[in-house]
Protein backbone atom coordinates (compact mmCIF):
# COMPACT_ATOMS: atom_id res chain seq x y z
CA MET A 1 5.34 -14.48 -8.72
CA ALA A 2 5.00 -14.23 -4.95
CA SER A 3 1.81 -12.86 -3.48
CA LEU A 4 1.81 -9.82 -1.19
CA THR A 5 -0.05 -9.49 2.08
CA VAL A 6 -1.30 -5.90 2.20
CA SER A 7 -2.76 -3.86 5.04
CA VAL A 8 -3.90 -0.26 4.63
CA VAL A 9 -4.84 1.50 7.87
CA SER A 10 -5.64 5.05 8.89
CA ALA A 11 -5.15 6.57 12.32
CA ASP A 12 -8.52 5.26 13.50
CA ARG A 13 -9.40 2.15 11.46
CA GLU A 14 -8.41 -0.57 9.05
CA VAL A 15 -9.29 0.50 5.49
CA TRP A 16 -8.37 -2.60 3.46
CA THR A 17 -6.51 -5.86 4.05
CA GLY A 18 -5.93 -8.76 1.72
CA SER A 19 -3.72 -10.60 -0.74
CA ALA A 20 -2.38 -8.68 -3.73
CA SER A 21 -0.13 -9.03 -6.73
CA GLN A 22 0.91 -5.36 -6.89
CA VAL A 23 0.80 -2.12 -4.89
CA ILE A 24 1.49 1.34 -6.30
CA ALA A 25 1.79 4.29 -3.92
CA LYS A 26 2.87 7.92 -4.06
CA THR A 27 5.79 8.70 -1.75
CA VAL A 28 7.60 11.96 -1.07
CA ASP A 29 10.31 10.73 -3.48
CA GLY A 30 7.86 9.78 -6.26
CA GLU A 31 5.59 6.90 -7.18
CA ILE A 32 6.71 3.39 -6.27
CA GLY A 33 5.52 -0.02 -7.40
CA ILE A 34 5.77 -3.07 -5.16
CA LEU A 35 5.71 -6.66 -6.44
CA GLY A 36 6.37 -9.94 -4.65
CA GLY A 37 10.03 -10.37 -3.69
CA HIS A 38 10.61 -6.62 -3.24
CA GLU A 39 13.51 -5.67 -1.00
CA PRO A 40 12.67 -4.30 2.48
CA LEU A 41 11.67 -0.66 2.30
CA LEU A 42 10.41 2.17 4.48
CA ALA A 43 9.07 5.28 2.73
CA LEU A 44 7.11 8.41 3.66
CA LEU A 45 3.74 8.67 1.93
CA ALA A 46 2.74 11.78 0.04
CA SER A 47 -0.94 12.71 -0.33
CA GLY A 48 -2.38 10.71 -3.19
CA GLU A 49 -3.86 7.45 -4.31
CA VAL A 50 -2.66 3.99 -3.29
CA ARG A 51 -3.56 1.43 -5.97
CA VAL A 52 -3.73 -2.25 -5.08
CA THR A 53 -4.22 -5.04 -7.60
CA THR A 54 -5.67 -7.98 -5.68
CA ALA A 55 -4.61 -11.57 -6.26
CA ALA A 56 -7.93 -11.99 -8.15
CA GLY A 57 -7.08 -9.06 -10.44
CA GLU A 58 -9.50 -6.53 -8.93
CA LYS A 59 -8.39 -2.92 -8.47
CA VAL A 60 -8.67 -1.27 -5.03
CA ARG A 61 -8.04 2.46 -4.75
CA VAL A 62 -7.41 4.26 -1.46
CA ASP A 63 -7.01 8.02 -1.03
CA ALA A 64 -4.28 8.51 1.58
CA GLU A 65 -2.67 11.51 3.28
CA GLY A 66 0.60 11.39 5.18
CA GLY A 67 2.07 8.40 6.96
CA PHE A 68 4.43 5.68 5.77
CA LEU A 69 4.75 2.54 3.70
CA SER A 70 6.70 -0.50 4.90
CA VAL A 71 7.70 -3.57 2.88
CA ASP A 72 9.20 -6.64 4.54
CA HIS A 73 9.05 -10.32 3.48
CA ASP A 74 6.18 -9.80 0.98
CA THR A 75 4.15 -7.90 3.59
CA VAL A 76 3.16 -4.34 2.71
CA THR A 77 1.88 -2.15 5.52
CA ILE A 78 0.54 1.32 4.75
CA VAL A 79 -0.21 3.54 7.75
CA ALA A 80 -1.78 6.88 6.80
CA GLY A 81 -2.95 9.80 8.90
CA ARG A 82 -6.13 9.76 6.82
CA ALA A 83 -7.23 7.06 4.39
CA ALA A 84 -10.50 6.09 2.73
CA LEU A 85 -11.53 3.85 -0.14
CA ALA A 86 -11.81 5.92 -3.31
């Protein structure tokens, strides 16, 4: 399975960046899971938790409010109006 390069940023800082095997985020259309090889996507984030499973199997949780999620070529970028590690 392909690895994902993930970046979670808020309006004023980088919250978390690294390699991951999976990302789960809450969007305005419902929860979405992203794995390696996912088709390109742009979605609006809803307030909620973003869950990242790192390549090493660790769980990273980020509380996020507003913003968007972008997926392109195994790169996931999450830009939130407010975000902090949970």
